[in-house]
Amino acid sequence: MKEIKILVLDDEKVFRDEIREFLEGDKFTVHTAEKPSEAFNIVNENQIDILILDLRLPEMDGLQVLAKIKEEHPEIEVIMITGHGDMDAVINAMRLGALEFFPKPFRLLDMRAAIQRTKRYISLHEQFKEINQTFSLVSKDLIESIGNEILGESYGIKQVVELMGKVAKAENTSVLITGESGTGKELVARGIHYLSSRKKGYFYAVNCSAIPDTLFESEFFGHKKGSFTGANEDKAGWFEVANGGTLFLDEVVEMQPAMQTKLLRVLEERKIRRIGSSADIPVDVRIIAATNQDINRLIDEGKFRSDLYYRLNSFVIHIPPLRERKEDIPILFDYYVKHIAAKLGKKITQIDPAIVKAMMSYNFPGNVRELRNMIERALILSDGGRLSIKNFSGLIAPEGISNVSGVIGEDVFDLDLIEKIVIMKALERTGYKKTEAAQLLNITRQALDRRLEKYNINL
């Protein structure tokens, strides 16, 4: 907390001197003034934090001084004092922004307590202003760097952005991002990269669940030509590709234990060796990992190495699910309607107000991804310039898809469209987990993948 500077404006010299000596004993810097004109000069030349202001003054009364101070220097907090029991003056002073009001005579100990309360208020105000400034700057940088904003005004998302800005400066610190599927973990990882000094390096995202064990070493560490069947040329691994930048390991817990051991060794030694080579290659890579699973449970079950976990979680950022920050839904809705409508070449001139109202009571198991896909599907189904709640299947039939005719209209018999809606509903219900969605649809995972490709549904 910075040093607090106080100005006492009172026309009684005895009072000015008494309170100045008392407050200086508390190690405050104290200025005094007899007339408002003197006080304004002091305020203009010094950074005053608290003004102790008498109501009755020469030149102009204390309420006029208070109004002028609040207009020109709103950051100064004011404590009013008066020798007259004027209730109207008290009310007016509070309306004009005074924090405290003392009738004369008063105890100096009470004044000390009031200053301490005001000091705490100033400290909290400064912290709040700093957080808001950080959020604005980080959001601006993210927009400029990756063409998208971490959308939302909730406390939870602001905290995420603040942590991103702080850890971005620690460019060698590993980061673990946790959160449910669809919350935007990769966007946060990209944001950290582009806010850091590594932004000129490469950001490489790896889905660990999609790497066969047999290809792990080749993909991560690279190989030399002829080192195994099919190695027809030298190949750089992902660590080399991301050297000087950031390697994002999505769903890191899906990695098999043997692969976890090899990854841990690289993180500790900061060097890799291509398959078929005897030369070590030093690498300077920041690791950002992410998962939507309970790592502690997986460690207890022996499915994830605790030493790798402690290496990865030097700094943890948890992204709250959309159901815990519903105040962000209208902001996200507005952004995605404008963004997707422009991409689809549609001009939306009218939006049913029931849509957002229904969204506020929906839990969004698929989080922001589900919200975005829901809006995109609704825009595709919309006719003319009106976006109706009838275009939102998940909102109209939250307990099931039994009322398909209510979604697409009674006179539509497009089987492909109906099948696409049913598939999207199953994905939404299961939090976009394809295996569970396939089971819900009573089809194989491979059959679901074929339909997703057929309908151009990207997860």
Protein backbone atom coordinates (compact mmCIF):
# COMPACT_ATOMS: atom_id res chain seq x y z
CA MET A 1 0.00 0.00 0.00
CA LYS A 2 1.36 3.42 -0.99
CA GLU A 3 1.94 6.26 1.48
CA ILE A 4 -1.32 8.08 2.27
CA LYS A 5 -1.29 11.88 1.86
CA ILE A 6 -3.91 13.91 3.72
CA LEU A 7 -5.07 17.52 3.30
CA VAL A 8 -6.88 19.28 6.18
CA LEU A 9 -9.01 22.28 5.07
CA ASP A 10 -10.35 24.24 8.07
CA ASP A 11 -10.39 27.94 8.92
CA GLU A 12 -9.53 27.31 12.61
CA LYS A 13 -5.74 27.28 13.04
CA VAL A 14 -5.89 25.51 16.43
CA PHE A 15 -7.85 22.64 14.91
CA ARG A 16 -5.61 22.42 11.85
CA ASP A 17 -2.46 22.24 13.96
CA GLU A 18 -3.93 19.73 16.41
CA ILE A 19 -5.10 17.26 13.80
CA ARG A 20 -1.90 17.68 11.76
CA GLU A 21 0.29 16.80 14.76
CA PHE A 22 -1.92 13.83 15.61
CA LEU A 23 -1.89 12.40 12.10
CA GLU A 24 1.83 12.99 11.61
CA GLY A 25 2.30 10.89 14.76
CA ASP A 26 0.63 8.08 12.76
CA LYS A 27 3.25 8.59 10.00
CA PHE A 28 0.87 10.22 7.51
CA THR A 29 1.99 13.06 5.25
CA VAL A 30 -0.28 15.99 6.14
CA HIS A 31 -0.92 19.29 4.35
CA THR A 32 -3.10 22.06 5.81
CA ALA A 33 -5.06 24.93 4.27
CA GLU A 34 -7.15 27.77 5.71
CA LYS A 35 -9.12 28.69 2.58
CA PRO A 36 -10.46 26.71 -0.39
CA SER A 37 -8.19 28.55 -2.84
CA GLU A 38 -5.14 27.37 -0.88
CA ALA A 39 -6.52 23.82 -0.80
CA PHE A 40 -7.07 23.75 -4.59
CA ASN A 41 -3.47 24.84 -5.16
CA ILE A 42 -2.21 22.06 -2.87
CA VAL A 43 -4.40 19.47 -4.61
CA ASN A 44 -3.17 20.54 -8.04
CA GLU A 45 0.49 20.33 -6.99
CA ASN A 46 0.35 17.18 -4.82
CA GLN A 47 -1.21 13.74 -5.03
CA ILE A 48 -3.72 13.93 -2.19
CA ASP A 49 -5.55 10.76 -1.12
CA ILE A 50 -7.85 12.02 1.68
CA LEU A 51 -9.35 15.47 2.24
CA ILE A 52 -10.58 16.35 5.74
CA LEU A 53 -13.03 19.15 4.95
CA ASP A 54 -14.86 21.63 7.18
CA LEU A 55 -18.41 22.54 6.18
CA ARG A 56 -18.18 26.25 7.11
CA LEU A 57 -15.40 28.04 5.22
CA PRO A 58 -14.54 31.47 3.81
CA GLU A 59 -14.76 31.98 0.01
CA MET A 60 -17.19 29.07 -0.48
CA ASP A 61 -18.86 26.47 1.74
CA GLY A 62 -17.62 22.91 2.21
CA LEU A 63 -20.33 21.35 -0.01
CA GLN A 64 -19.22 23.52 -2.93
CA VAL A 65 -15.61 22.50 -2.28
CA LEU A 66 -16.67 18.84 -2.12
CA ALA A 67 -18.53 19.08 -5.46
CA LYS A 68 -15.53 20.76 -7.14
CA ILE A 69 -13.06 18.22 -5.75
CA LYS A 70 -15.19 15.26 -6.85
CA GLU A 71 -15.59 16.76 -10.31
CA GLU A 72 -11.90 17.51 -10.87
CA HIS A 73 -10.27 14.85 -8.65
CA PRO A 74 -12.77 11.98 -8.17
CA GLU A 75 -10.03 9.72 -6.78
CA ILE A 76 -9.73 11.86 -3.60
CA GLU A 77 -11.80 10.51 -0.69
CA VAL A 78 -13.44 13.13 1.57
CA ILE A 79 -14.20 13.17 5.30
CA MET A 80 -16.55 16.05 6.25
CA ILE A 81 -16.50 17.86 9.62
CA THR A 82 -18.76 20.59 11.00
CA GLY A 83 -19.56 22.42 14.18
CA HIS A 84 -23.23 22.63 13.24
CA GLY A 85 -25.74 19.78 13.56
CA ASP A 86 -27.17 20.16 10.06
CA MET A 87 -28.81 16.91 8.90
CA ASP A 88 -29.49 18.24 5.40
CA ALA A 89 -25.80 19.05 5.02
CA VAL A 90 -24.90 15.48 6.03
CA ILE A 91 -27.28 14.03 3.43
CA ASN A 92 -26.02 16.36 0.70
CA ALA A 93 -22.39 15.59 1.55
CA MET A 94 -23.01 11.86 1.25
CA ARG A 95 -24.80 12.35 -2.05
CA LEU A 96 -21.82 14.31 -3.36
CA GLY A 97 -19.46 11.48 -2.45
CA ALA A 98 -18.19 12.05 1.10
CA LEU A 99 -17.24 8.78 2.82
CA GLU A 100 -17.49 9.95 6.45
CA PHE A 101 -19.12 12.83 8.39
CA PHE A 102 -18.07 14.04 11.88
CA PRO A 103 -19.77 16.74 14.01
CA LYS A 104 -17.46 18.90 16.14
CA PRO A 105 -16.21 18.23 18.70
CA PHE A 106 -15.05 14.68 17.95
CA ARG A 107 -12.39 12.40 19.35
CA LEU A 108 -9.12 12.19 17.41
CA LEU A 109 -9.23 8.41 17.92
CA ASP A 110 -12.52 8.32 15.97
CA MET A 111 -10.88 10.33 13.20
CA ARG A 112 -7.98 7.85 13.15
CA ALA A 113 -10.45 4.95 12.78
CA ALA A 114 -12.22 6.76 9.92
CA ILE A 115 -8.92 7.33 8.12
CA GLN A 116 -8.00 3.65 8.52
CA ARG A 117 -11.36 2.65 7.02
CA THR A 118 -10.81 5.08 4.15
CA LYS A 119 -7.28 3.76 3.68
CA ARG A 120 -8.61 0.21 3.28
CA TYR A 121 -11.23 1.45 0.81
CA ILE A 122 -8.52 3.18 -1.26
CA SER A 123 -6.43 -0.02 -1.24
CA LEU A 124 -9.35 -2.17 -2.44
CA HIS A 125 -10.22 0.39 -5.11
CA GLU A 126 -6.64 0.37 -6.41
CA GLN A 127 -6.60 -3.44 -6.55
CA PHE A 128 -9.90 -3.51 -8.42
CA LYS A 129 -8.65 -0.88 -10.89
CA GLU A 130 -5.44 -2.83 -11.45
CA ILE A 131 -7.36 -6.06 -12.15
CA ASN A 132 -9.65 -4.27 -14.62
CA GLN A 133 -6.69 -2.66 -16.38
CA THR A 134 -4.92 -6.02 -16.59
CA PHE A 135 -8.06 -7.66 -18.00
CA SER A 136 -8.49 -4.92 -20.61
CA LEU A 137 -4.87 -5.02 -21.71
CA VAL A 138 -4.72 -8.82 -21.86
CA SER A 139 -7.99 -9.01 -23.79
CA LYS A 140 -6.75 -6.38 -26.25
CA ASP A 141 -3.49 -8.26 -26.79
CA LEU A 142 -5.39 -11.52 -27.30
CA ILE A 143 -7.66 -9.97 -29.90
CA GLU A 144 -4.67 -8.57 -31.78
CA SER A 145 -2.68 -11.81 -31.54
CA ILE A 146 -5.15 -14.64 -32.14
CA GLY A 147 -8.16 -12.84 -33.58
CA ASN A 148 -10.42 -13.78 -30.70
CA GLU A 149 -11.18 -12.64 -27.20
CA ILE A 150 -11.56 -14.62 -24.02
CA LEU A 151 -15.21 -13.65 -23.87
CA GLY A 152 -17.00 -12.77 -20.63
CA GLU A 153 -17.30 -10.32 -17.79
CA SER A 154 -17.75 -12.81 -14.94
CA TYR A 155 -15.34 -12.93 -12.01
CA GLY A 156 -14.29 -16.46 -13.01
CA ILE A 157 -13.26 -15.56 -16.56
CA LYS A 158 -11.58 -12.33 -15.44
CA GLN A 159 -9.52 -14.37 -12.99
CA VAL A 160 -8.49 -16.72 -15.82
CA VAL A 161 -7.37 -13.76 -17.93
CA GLU A 162 -5.45 -12.24 -15.02
CA LEU A 163 -3.61 -15.51 -14.40
CA MET A 164 -2.83 -15.82 -18.11
CA GLY A 165 -1.20 -12.40 -18.10
CA LYS A 166 0.90 -13.20 -15.04
CA VAL A 167 2.15 -16.65 -16.07
CA ALA A 168 2.87 -15.44 -19.61
CA LYS A 169 5.74 -13.40 -18.17
CA ALA A 170 7.29 -16.53 -16.61
CA GLU A 171 8.16 -18.01 -20.00
CA ASN A 172 9.77 -21.25 -18.75
CA THR A 173 7.07 -22.19 -16.24
CA SER A 174 4.96 -25.22 -17.16
CA VAL A 175 1.21 -24.61 -17.04
CA LEU A 176 -1.62 -27.07 -16.45
CA ILE A 177 -5.06 -25.97 -17.68
CA THR A 178 -8.04 -27.83 -16.24
CA GLY A 179 -11.68 -27.59 -17.18
CA GLU A 180 -14.52 -29.48 -18.77
CA SER A 181 -14.66 -30.26 -22.46
CA GLY A 182 -15.60 -27.22 -24.50
CA THR A 183 -14.51 -24.54 -22.03
CA GLY A 184 -11.71 -23.19 -24.25
CA LYS A 185 -8.52 -24.73 -22.86
CA GLU A 186 -6.61 -24.46 -26.14
CA LEU A 187 -7.64 -20.82 -26.54
CA VAL A 188 -6.23 -20.07 -23.09
CA ALA A 189 -3.02 -21.92 -23.99
CA ARG A 190 -2.67 -19.93 -27.22
CA GLY A 191 -3.32 -16.75 -25.27
CA ILE A 192 -0.49 -17.50 -22.83
CA HIS A 193 1.85 -18.17 -25.75
CA TYR A 194 0.99 -14.97 -27.62
CA LEU A 195 1.20 -12.85 -24.47
CA SER A 196 4.69 -14.15 -23.70
CA SER A 197 8.09 -13.38 -25.16
CA ARG A 198 7.82 -16.77 -26.96
CA LYS A 199 5.12 -15.42 -29.30
CA LYS A 200 7.62 -15.22 -32.17
CA GLY A 201 8.21 -18.96 -31.77
CA TYR A 202 5.86 -21.73 -32.86
CA PHE A 203 2.75 -22.82 -30.95
CA TYR A 204 2.17 -26.51 -31.62
CA ALA A 205 -0.95 -28.27 -30.31
CA VAL A 206 -0.91 -32.05 -29.82
CA ASN A 207 -3.92 -34.20 -29.00
CA CYS A 208 -2.31 -36.90 -26.86
CA SER A 209 -5.36 -39.18 -27.09
CA ALA A 210 -4.90 -39.44 -30.87
CA ILE A 211 -1.28 -40.68 -30.87
CA PRO A 212 -0.73 -44.46 -31.18
CA ASP A 213 1.91 -45.78 -28.77
CA THR A 214 4.00 -47.03 -31.69
CA LEU A 215 4.31 -43.52 -33.11
CA PHE A 216 4.85 -41.63 -29.86
CA GLU A 217 8.65 -41.36 -29.99
CA SER A 218 8.72 -40.58 -33.70
CA GLU A 219 6.10 -37.85 -33.37
CA PHE A 220 7.55 -36.22 -30.24
CA PHE A 221 11.29 -36.71 -30.80
CA GLY A 222 11.62 -37.29 -34.57
CA HIS A 223 13.65 -39.96 -36.38
CA LYS A 224 16.55 -40.48 -38.76
CA LYS A 225 16.10 -41.83 -42.25
CA GLY A 226 16.19 -45.65 -42.28
CA SER A 227 15.78 -45.99 -38.50
CA PHE A 228 12.68 -48.17 -39.01
CA THR A 229 10.46 -49.42 -41.81
CA GLY A 230 8.76 -46.44 -43.42
CA ALA A 231 11.31 -43.90 -42.21
CA ASN A 232 12.15 -42.73 -45.70
CA GLU A 233 13.57 -39.37 -44.65
CA ASP A 234 14.77 -37.46 -41.62
CA LYS A 235 11.90 -36.05 -39.59
CA ALA A 236 11.88 -33.43 -36.83
CA GLY A 237 9.68 -34.23 -33.83
CA TRP A 238 7.26 -31.87 -32.18
CA PHE A 239 9.79 -30.77 -29.59
CA GLU A 240 12.09 -29.58 -32.37
CA VAL A 241 9.23 -27.93 -34.25
CA ALA A 242 8.19 -26.01 -31.13
CA ASN A 243 11.78 -25.17 -30.10
CA GLY A 244 11.81 -21.59 -28.84
CA GLY A 245 8.02 -21.64 -28.61
CA THR A 246 5.24 -23.57 -26.88
CA LEU A 247 4.11 -27.21 -27.04
CA PHE A 248 0.49 -27.69 -26.01
CA LEU A 249 -0.34 -31.20 -24.81
CA ASP A 250 -4.12 -31.56 -24.87
CA GLU A 251 -5.59 -34.46 -22.87
CA VAL A 252 -2.15 -35.29 -21.50
CA VAL A 253 -3.66 -37.91 -19.15
CA GLU A 254 -4.48 -40.12 -22.16
CA MET A 255 -0.76 -40.82 -22.61
CA GLN A 256 0.30 -44.38 -21.78
CA PRO A 257 2.56 -44.84 -18.68
CA ALA A 258 5.64 -45.81 -20.75
CA MET A 259 5.25 -42.67 -22.82
CA GLN A 260 4.78 -40.59 -19.66
CA THR A 261 8.21 -41.76 -18.46
CA LYS A 262 9.88 -40.68 -21.70
CA LEU A 263 8.15 -37.31 -21.64
CA LEU A 264 9.23 -36.74 -18.03
CA ARG A 265 12.86 -37.42 -18.94
CA VAL A 266 12.76 -34.79 -21.68
CA LEU A 267 11.16 -32.23 -19.38
CA GLU A 268 13.90 -32.81 -16.79
CA GLU A 269 16.88 -32.91 -19.16
CA ARG A 270 15.64 -30.38 -21.74
CA LYS A 271 17.04 -32.43 -24.61
CA ILE A 272 15.76 -35.05 -27.02
CA ARG A 273 17.27 -37.69 -29.27
CA ARG A 274 15.79 -38.70 -32.61
CA ILE A 275 15.11 -42.38 -33.20
CA GLY A 276 18.17 -43.85 -34.89
CA SER A 277 20.49 -41.03 -33.81
CA SER A 278 23.20 -40.93 -31.14
CA ALA A 279 23.24 -37.13 -30.87
CA ASP A 280 21.27 -35.22 -28.25
CA ILE A 281 19.42 -32.10 -29.37
CA PRO A 282 18.84 -29.40 -26.73
CA VAL A 283 15.32 -27.97 -26.77
CA ASP A 284 13.88 -24.81 -25.26
CA VAL A 285 10.16 -25.45 -25.15
CA ARG A 286 7.47 -24.28 -22.80
CA ILE A 287 4.98 -27.03 -21.97
CA ILE A 288 1.31 -26.21 -21.49
CA ALA A 289 -0.81 -29.27 -20.72
CA ALA A 290 -4.58 -29.60 -20.44
CA THR A 291 -7.13 -32.13 -19.27
CA ASN A 292 -10.83 -32.41 -18.53
CA GLN A 293 -10.32 -35.36 -16.18
CA ASP A 294 -9.62 -35.70 -12.46
CA ILE A 295 -5.83 -36.17 -12.42
CA ASN A 296 -5.65 -36.93 -8.71
CA ARG A 297 -8.03 -39.86 -9.18
CA LEU A 298 -5.96 -41.15 -12.11
CA ILE A 299 -2.79 -40.90 -9.99
CA ASP A 300 -4.46 -42.88 -7.21
CA GLU A 301 -5.50 -45.51 -9.78
CA GLY A 302 -1.91 -45.72 -11.10
CA LYS A 303 -2.85 -44.42 -14.55
CA PHE A 304 -0.83 -41.21 -14.39
CA ARG A 305 2.63 -40.63 -12.93
CA SER A 306 2.64 -38.33 -9.92
CA ASP A 307 6.17 -37.06 -10.72
CA LEU A 308 5.04 -36.02 -14.22
CA TYR A 309 2.01 -34.33 -12.70
CA TYR A 310 4.18 -32.28 -10.34
CA ARG A 311 6.42 -31.35 -13.27
CA LEU A 312 3.44 -30.15 -15.32
CA ASN A 313 1.42 -28.32 -12.68
CA SER A 314 3.91 -25.60 -11.72
CA PHE A 315 1.06 -23.18 -12.43
CA VAL A 316 -2.57 -24.26 -12.66
CA ILE A 317 -5.39 -22.38 -14.40
CA HIS A 318 -8.90 -23.75 -13.99
CA ILE A 319 -11.53 -22.61 -16.49
CA PRO A 320 -15.00 -22.63 -14.90
CA PRO A 321 -17.81 -24.32 -16.84
CA LEU A 322 -20.37 -22.10 -18.53
CA ARG A 323 -23.07 -23.09 -16.04
CA GLU A 324 -21.00 -21.43 -13.29
CA ARG A 325 -20.66 -18.12 -15.18
CA LYS A 326 -24.07 -17.70 -16.76
CA GLU A 327 -23.72 -13.92 -16.78
CA ASP A 328 -21.34 -14.47 -19.73
CA ILE A 329 -24.01 -16.21 -21.85
CA PRO A 330 -25.57 -12.99 -23.30
CA ILE A 331 -22.07 -11.71 -24.23
CA LEU A 332 -21.13 -15.01 -25.89
CA PHE A 333 -24.50 -15.23 -27.64
CA ASP A 334 -24.19 -11.73 -29.09
CA TYR A 335 -20.62 -12.33 -30.27
CA TYR A 336 -21.24 -15.69 -31.93
CA VAL A 337 -24.48 -14.64 -33.63
CA LYS A 338 -22.68 -11.70 -35.27
CA HIS A 339 -19.52 -13.67 -36.04
CA ILE A 340 -21.18 -16.81 -37.47
CA ALA A 341 -23.92 -14.92 -39.32
CA ALA A 342 -21.23 -12.91 -41.11
CA LYS A 343 -19.38 -16.11 -42.01
CA LEU A 344 -22.57 -17.68 -43.36
CA GLY A 345 -23.50 -14.53 -45.27
CA LYS A 346 -26.71 -14.08 -43.28
CA LYS A 347 -28.07 -10.78 -42.04
CA ILE A 348 -30.00 -11.19 -38.78
CA THR A 349 -32.25 -8.22 -38.09
CA GLN A 350 -34.52 -9.71 -35.42
CA ILE A 351 -33.72 -12.03 -32.51
CA ASP A 352 -36.35 -13.71 -30.36
CA PRO A 353 -35.69 -12.50 -26.76
CA ALA A 354 -36.84 -15.90 -25.48
CA ILE A 355 -33.60 -17.44 -26.80
CA VAL A 356 -31.23 -15.94 -24.25
CA LYS A 357 -33.82 -16.39 -21.50
CA ALA A 358 -33.98 -20.11 -22.30
CA MET A 359 -30.19 -20.31 -22.49
CA MET A 360 -29.87 -18.86 -18.99
CA SER A 361 -31.81 -21.84 -17.62
CA TYR A 362 -29.87 -24.43 -19.66
CA ASN A 363 -26.76 -26.06 -18.16
CA PHE A 364 -24.68 -26.42 -21.35
CA PRO A 365 -22.88 -29.73 -20.67
CA GLY A 366 -20.75 -29.03 -23.75
CA ASN A 367 -19.93 -25.51 -22.47
CA VAL A 368 -18.92 -22.73 -24.87
CA ARG A 369 -18.35 -25.20 -27.73
CA GLU A 370 -21.94 -26.40 -27.39
CA LEU A 371 -23.22 -22.81 -27.29
CA ARG A 372 -21.30 -21.96 -30.44
CA ASN A 373 -22.48 -25.07 -32.32
CA MET A 374 -26.04 -24.49 -31.15
CA ILE A 375 -25.97 -20.95 -32.56
CA GLU A 376 -24.38 -22.08 -35.83
CA ARG A 377 -27.03 -24.78 -36.33
CA ALA A 378 -29.82 -22.30 -35.52
CA LEU A 379 -28.47 -19.76 -38.00
CA ILE A 380 -28.35 -22.42 -40.72
CA LEU A 381 -31.97 -23.34 -39.99
CA SER A 382 -33.17 -19.74 -39.75
CA ASP A 383 -35.26 -18.21 -42.54
CA GLY A 384 -35.08 -14.57 -43.49
CA GLY A 385 -33.56 -12.17 -41.00
CA ARG A 386 -35.26 -13.58 -37.89
CA LEU A 387 -33.59 -15.91 -35.40
CA SER A 388 -36.31 -17.80 -33.56
CA ILE A 389 -36.20 -20.04 -30.52
CA LYS A 390 -37.72 -22.75 -32.76
CA ASN A 391 -34.31 -22.96 -34.44
CA PHE A 392 -32.69 -24.08 -31.15
CA SER A 393 -33.41 -27.77 -30.68
CA GLY A 394 -31.58 -28.09 -27.38
CA LEU A 395 -33.59 -25.26 -25.86
CA ILE A 396 -36.98 -26.31 -27.19
CA ALA A 397 -36.62 -29.96 -26.15
CA PRO A 398 -34.11 -30.00 -23.26
CA GLU A 399 -35.36 -33.36 -22.00
CA GLY A 400 -35.08 -35.13 -25.35
CA ILE A 401 -35.52 -34.88 -29.09
CA SER A 402 -39.03 -36.32 -29.15
CA ASN A 403 -40.52 -33.16 -30.63
CA VAL A 404 -38.44 -33.01 -33.83
CA SER A 405 -41.36 -31.53 -35.77
CA GLY A 406 -41.34 -28.60 -33.38
CA VAL A 407 -37.71 -28.02 -34.25
CA ILE A 408 -37.82 -28.08 -38.04
CA GLY A 409 -41.46 -27.59 -38.85
CA GLU A 410 -44.29 -30.03 -39.45
CA ASP A 411 -44.02 -29.88 -43.25
CA VAL A 412 -40.32 -30.78 -43.44
CA PHE A 413 -39.44 -34.44 -44.12
CA ASP A 414 -35.66 -34.17 -44.63
CA LEU A 415 -34.18 -37.33 -43.08
CA ASP A 416 -30.62 -36.02 -43.29
CA LEU A 417 -31.61 -32.89 -41.41
CA ILE A 418 -33.47 -34.88 -38.75
CA GLU A 419 -30.51 -37.27 -38.36
CA LYS A 420 -28.09 -34.34 -38.00
CA ILE A 421 -30.25 -32.79 -35.28
CA VAL A 422 -30.48 -36.11 -33.40
CA ILE A 423 -26.68 -36.55 -33.60
CA MET A 424 -26.06 -33.02 -32.31
CA LYS A 425 -28.50 -33.59 -29.46
CA ALA A 426 -26.71 -36.80 -28.48
CA LEU A 427 -23.36 -34.98 -28.54
CA GLU A 428 -24.76 -32.17 -26.41
CA ARG A 429 -26.26 -34.62 -23.92
CA THR A 430 -22.92 -36.45 -23.48
CA GLY A 431 -20.71 -33.37 -23.30
CA TYR A 432 -19.35 -33.99 -26.82
CA LYS A 433 -17.85 -37.37 -25.89
CA LYS A 434 -18.14 -39.33 -29.11
CA THR A 435 -17.99 -42.83 -27.60
CA GLU A 436 -20.84 -42.07 -25.18
CA ALA A 437 -22.82 -40.29 -27.91
CA ALA A 438 -22.50 -43.36 -30.17
CA GLN A 439 -23.79 -45.58 -27.35
CA LEU A 440 -26.72 -43.22 -26.80
CA LEU A 441 -27.52 -43.38 -30.53
CA ASN A 442 -27.10 -47.18 -30.51
CA ILE A 443 -24.47 -47.07 -33.27
CA THR A 444 -20.72 -47.79 -33.34
CA ARG A 445 -18.12 -45.09 -32.81
CA GLN A 446 -16.94 -45.59 -36.41
CA ALA A 447 -20.50 -45.12 -37.70
CA LEU A 448 -20.75 -41.87 -35.73
CA ASP A 449 -17.44 -40.65 -37.18
CA ARG A 450 -18.74 -41.30 -40.69
CA ARG A 451 -21.90 -39.31 -40.00
CA LEU A 452 -19.93 -36.45 -38.45
CA GLU A 453 -17.84 -36.29 -41.62
CA LYS A 454 -20.96 -36.53 -43.80
CA TYR A 455 -22.66 -33.61 -42.06
CA ASN A 456 -19.43 -31.62 -41.67
CA ILE A 457 -19.73 -31.52 -37.87
CA ASN A 458 -16.34 -30.52 -36.46
CA LEU A 459 -15.62 -31.23 -32.79
